[in-house]
Protein backbone atom coordinates (compact mmCIF):
# COMPACT_ATOMS: atom_id res chain seq x y z
CA MET A 1 197.27 59.52 -42.38
CA CYS A 2 199.48 60.48 -40.06
CA GLN A 3 202.95 61.42 -40.31
CA SER A 4 203.67 59.71 -36.76
CA ILE A 5 204.99 56.55 -39.20
CA LEU A 6 208.17 58.83 -39.80
CA GLN A 7 208.57 58.78 -35.81
CA SER A 8 208.59 54.43 -35.70
CA THR A 9 211.76 52.82 -35.63
CA ALA A 10 209.69 49.62 -36.08
CA PHE A 11 208.04 50.66 -39.40
CA PHE A 12 211.50 51.38 -40.70
CA SER A 13 212.79 48.48 -39.75
CA PHE A 14 210.16 46.31 -41.57
CA LEU A 15 211.02 48.32 -44.48
CA LEU A 16 214.64 47.23 -44.38
CA TYR A 17 213.47 43.43 -43.78
CA ILE A 18 211.40 43.86 -46.98
CA ASP A 19 214.22 45.37 -48.75
CA GLN A 20 216.44 42.55 -47.86
CA ASP A 21 214.20 40.01 -48.92
CA LEU A 22 213.84 41.52 -52.24
CA ALA A 23 217.41 42.03 -52.79
CA GLN A 24 218.14 38.14 -51.68
CA GLU A 25 215.56 37.44 -54.15
CA THR A 26 217.39 39.32 -56.99
CA CYS A 27 220.44 37.78 -55.82
CA THR A 28 219.33 34.15 -56.21
CA GLY A 29 218.06 34.97 -59.70
CA GLY A 30 221.44 35.49 -61.08
CA CYS A 31 222.27 38.28 -63.81
CA ARG A 32 219.45 39.00 -65.96
CA CYS A 33 221.79 39.13 -69.23
CA CYS A 34 224.08 36.21 -68.99
CA GLY A 35 223.16 34.22 -65.60
CA GLY A 36 226.04 34.82 -64.01
CA ARG A 37 226.56 35.02 -59.97
CA LEU A 38 225.71 38.37 -58.60
CA HIS A 39 228.24 40.02 -56.06
CA ARG A 40 227.38 42.97 -53.70
CA ALA A 41 227.87 46.17 -54.76
CA CYS A 42 225.85 48.48 -52.82
CA TYR A 43 225.51 51.91 -53.52
CA SER A 44 226.07 54.70 -50.63
CA ARG A 45 222.90 56.69 -49.36
CA LYS A 46 222.38 59.33 -47.22
CA PRO A 47 218.74 59.05 -46.79
CA ARG A 48 216.68 62.14 -45.73
CA GLY A 49 212.81 62.36 -44.12
CA ALA A 50 212.91 60.37 -41.10
CA GLN A 51 212.23 61.52 -38.07
CA CYS A 52 213.63 58.68 -35.94
CA PRO A 53 217.31 56.89 -35.57
CA LEU A 54 217.50 54.54 -38.64
CA ASN A 55 219.41 51.29 -38.75
CA PRO A 56 222.85 52.06 -40.38
CA ALA A 57 221.74 49.97 -43.52
CA TYR A 58 220.03 52.62 -44.43
CA CYS A 59 222.91 54.47 -45.74
CA GLN A 60 222.99 51.51 -48.48
CA ARG A 61 221.16 51.05 -51.45
CA PHE A 62 221.28 47.49 -52.09
CA SER A 63 222.95 46.59 -55.37
CA PHE A 64 224.66 43.85 -57.34
CA CYS A 65 227.28 43.49 -59.97
CA CYS A 66 227.52 40.60 -62.28
CA ALA A 67 230.88 38.29 -61.68
CA ILE A 68 230.75 37.59 -65.71
CA CYS A 69 229.48 40.42 -67.46
CA ARG A 70 229.98 43.19 -64.62
CA ARG A 71 226.16 44.30 -65.58
CA ARG A 72 224.89 45.69 -62.40
CA THR A 73 221.29 44.60 -61.20
CA THR A 74 219.19 46.88 -58.58
CA PRO A 75 216.75 45.24 -56.96
CA TYR A 76 213.50 46.93 -56.14
CA SER A 77 213.46 48.65 -52.96
CA VAL A 78 210.35 49.73 -50.69
CA ARG A 79 212.77 52.41 -48.37
CA PHE A 80 213.93 54.69 -51.87
CA LEU A 81 211.63 55.85 -54.52
CA GLY A 82 214.11 55.74 -57.53
CA ARG A 83 217.03 57.94 -57.28
CA ARG A 84 215.49 60.50 -54.89
CA VAL A 85 217.50 61.56 -51.65
CA TYR A 86 214.14 61.38 -49.54
CA LEU A 87 213.10 58.21 -48.46
CA GLY A 88 210.07 56.80 -50.32
CA VAL A 89 207.26 56.97 -47.57
CA VAL A 90 208.25 60.57 -47.05
CA VAL A 91 207.96 61.89 -50.65
CA THR A 92 204.50 59.38 -50.66
CA LEU A 93 203.06 60.80 -47.31
CA ALA A 94 203.57 64.48 -47.53
CA CYS A 95 202.55 64.98 -51.34
CA ALA A 96 199.31 62.62 -49.70
CA LEU A 97 198.63 65.08 -47.16
CA CYS A 98 199.13 67.77 -49.63
CA VAL A 99 196.36 67.36 -51.52
CA GLY A 100 193.44 69.85 -51.30
CA LEU A 101 195.86 72.43 -49.31
CA SER A 102 196.30 75.90 -49.91
CA GLY A 103 199.66 76.79 -50.75
CA ARG A 104 200.20 78.69 -47.12
CA ARG A 105 199.57 75.48 -45.51
CA VAL A 106 201.80 73.41 -48.37
CA ALA A 107 204.63 75.64 -47.11
CA ALA A 108 203.84 75.02 -43.49
CA LEU A 109 203.75 71.25 -44.38
CA GLY A 110 206.94 71.50 -46.12
CA GLU A 111 208.36 72.88 -42.74
CA ARG A 112 207.33 70.44 -40.67
CA PHE A 113 208.54 67.55 -42.82
CA ARG A 114 211.74 69.41 -43.59
CA VAL A 115 211.49 69.49 -47.27
CA PRO A 116 212.12 72.60 -49.13
CA LEU A 117 208.46 73.96 -50.99
CA ARG A 118 210.43 74.13 -54.30
CA THR A 119 210.93 70.11 -53.58
CA LEU A 120 207.65 69.38 -52.04
CA GLN A 121 206.12 71.13 -55.38
CA ARG A 122 208.37 69.09 -57.81
CA TRP A 123 206.88 66.02 -56.00
CA ARG A 124 203.74 67.19 -56.63
CA ARG A 125 204.06 67.90 -60.22
CA TRP A 126 205.72 64.31 -60.52
CA TRP A 127 202.58 62.44 -59.11
CA LEU A 128 200.26 64.09 -60.99
CA GLU A 129 201.97 64.72 -64.05
CA ASP A 130 204.75 62.36 -64.62
CA PHE A 131 203.40 59.12 -62.67
CA VAL A 132 200.27 59.33 -64.06
CA GLN A 133 202.48 59.13 -67.84
CA THR A 134 203.90 55.99 -66.73
CA SER A 135 203.83 52.33 -68.21
CA PHE A 136 203.92 51.07 -64.80
CA TRP A 137 200.44 53.22 -63.72
CA ARG A 138 198.93 53.16 -67.40
CA GLY A 139 199.26 49.41 -66.97
CA ARG A 140 198.03 48.87 -63.33
CA ARG A 141 195.22 51.70 -62.99
CA ALA A 142 193.09 49.07 -64.20
CA LEU A 143 193.70 47.04 -61.08
CA PHE A 144 191.60 49.71 -58.82
CA LEU A 145 187.58 49.50 -59.07
CA PRO A 146 186.00 52.53 -58.93
CA PRO A 147 189.26 54.31 -60.83
CA VAL A 148 191.76 56.12 -58.38
CA GLU A 149 191.23 60.23 -58.73
CA GLU A 150 194.36 61.13 -60.58
CA GLY A 151 193.91 64.53 -59.24
CA ARG A 152 194.28 63.32 -55.61
CA LEU A 153 197.32 61.12 -56.04
CA PRO A 154 198.86 59.64 -53.93
CA GLU A 155 196.11 60.24 -51.31
CA SER A 156 193.81 58.43 -53.24
CA LEU A 157 195.90 55.43 -54.10
CA TYR A 158 196.83 55.08 -50.11
CA CYS A 159 193.16 54.83 -49.57
CA ARG A 160 192.83 51.74 -51.72
CA PHE A 161 195.39 49.53 -49.71
CA GLN A 162 193.46 48.04 -46.89
CA ALA A 163 195.31 46.91 -43.68
CA ALA A 164 195.17 46.17 -39.82
CA ASP A 165 197.26 49.22 -38.93
CA GLU A 166 199.35 52.16 -40.71
CA SER A 167 202.43 50.23 -41.24
CA ARG A 168 201.36 47.33 -42.97
CA ARG A 169 199.11 49.68 -45.17
CA TRP A 170 202.18 52.18 -46.47
CA GLY A 171 203.92 48.68 -46.60
CA LEU A 172 201.62 47.48 -49.25
CA LEU A 173 201.25 51.03 -51.01
CA LEU A 174 205.55 51.03 -51.51
CA ARG A 175 205.04 47.56 -52.04
CA PHE A 176 203.15 48.50 -55.35
CA LEU A 177 205.45 50.96 -56.38
CA THR A 178 208.56 49.16 -56.22
CA PRO A 179 208.68 48.57 -60.04
CA LEU A 180 209.43 52.56 -60.01
CA THR A 181 212.21 52.36 -58.10
CA THR A 182 214.67 51.18 -60.38
CA ARG A 183 216.28 51.65 -63.78
CA THR A 184 216.58 47.96 -64.22
CA ALA A 185 212.71 47.90 -64.29
CA ASN A 186 212.16 51.24 -66.01
CA THR A 187 214.27 51.03 -69.53
CA SER A 188 213.63 54.79 -70.10
CA GLY A 189 214.00 55.60 -66.29
CA GLU A 190 210.09 56.41 -65.32
CA GLY A 191 211.28 55.92 -61.93
CA HIS A 192 213.67 58.82 -61.51
């Protein structure tokens, strides 16, 4: 599990392609409430954490607005983990690398990722306390046998995804987590 993925323009282009596909699928489906046509209504974002130049499309979170009832529909995303400013892969990778480290080493890891220590600690608490309580995780943890070691999340979850290369493996993990990326999917705001 190497942070070199954060320096890969090809990896971030791959994630953008997946998000575009998810957005197209959502738009084609129409409004969940009234079936009306959806119009583009993207959010501006200032994504943090990538260590390479990002496509300008990364400055937008795809979203739509119904032409009839005006309700917003935001599709799932592999780039963003809820409303967090840092990219989803950064949140996941940094926390996975923290597993088993001393406080001093976690601080050094935060510096390497350019993430404040308090933010990194907050993310770890989210994985270890909040994430395991979400209905999403309670409903899907049974898919993994033997069970995922919750005290080592997200590292233990990452290890369950098998792929030919690291980019695909991260793509699978981030795709698995997409139901947590929008309030539309989580009426109680579990992804935030």
